[in-house]
Amino acid sequence: MKQKVLIIIGCLMALTLLITNGYADRYGGYYKVTITNMTSNQTFTPTIVLNHKKGVSLFTPGSPASKSLGILAESGNTEPLSTMMAGNPRVAEIATSEGLLMPGDSTVVKLERTGGFRHISLAAMLIPTNDGFFALNGVKAPRGHRSVMYVSPAYDAGTEINDELCANIPGPVCDGDALSVEDGEGYVHIHPGIHGIGSLLDNIYDWRNPVARIVIERVGSYHDDDKEEDD
């Protein structure tokens, strides 16, 4: 009798575990974001990545950059932008990659998937530049058993003059000041590249767009958040 009770309890525990795991598989999951540096001699600072609802934007091309984006583009510091986005109720999760991303290398950032928060944005500085960065700005994450690939050009935050002087460029190549007191062009635009007018040799540090490849993969469950619309 006692043996039968133990067998029944064991079966019930196994059933509970299966149900729990099935629930986690059905309602869990995450976005896997793989970022690859496509340049020959530019290095990426840590990348801030967030998932959010439709309408959230890190910047508008042709308009002035926010102060927090300007700080990221000039210094690689993601904290001000992360703090600003954390205060937005339309943002679900924010994560930042670790370390510098060298040419030809890739890094992975994972974001917990939340129903309705099906857009991805990200940004990181290019060094050595004065205020160059790459970004995705509110792109759609994939649905179902799929992944989607995007490429990003280099943008110029327009917050610092592109003097290409090492004194005004942080990072391992120049080790200069992270932030400039001078104003740049005043709006976000496609970066013109390195022209060899200062401390940097254009034949080494210039590039041709795009500069980054980003693959967003949906991992885990595939349930009714596919039916939810961003509002």
Foldseek 3Di string as FASTA:
>chain_A
DVVVVVVVVVVVVVVVVVVVVVVCLAPWWKKKKKKAFAWDFKKWAKKKKWFFAPPDWQFDFPAAGDPQLQLQQQAVDNVVVVVVVVPDPRIDDMDIWDDMHGHGGMTIDIGIDDQRRFWMKMKTYIPPWRGKMWMDTGHGADADQDKDKDFTAIKGNQADAGQVALQRGPDDPRNHDRDDPDGGNRGMDGDPFDDPNYDDDRVRGGGDDDGMMMMMGIDGHHDDSVVDHHD
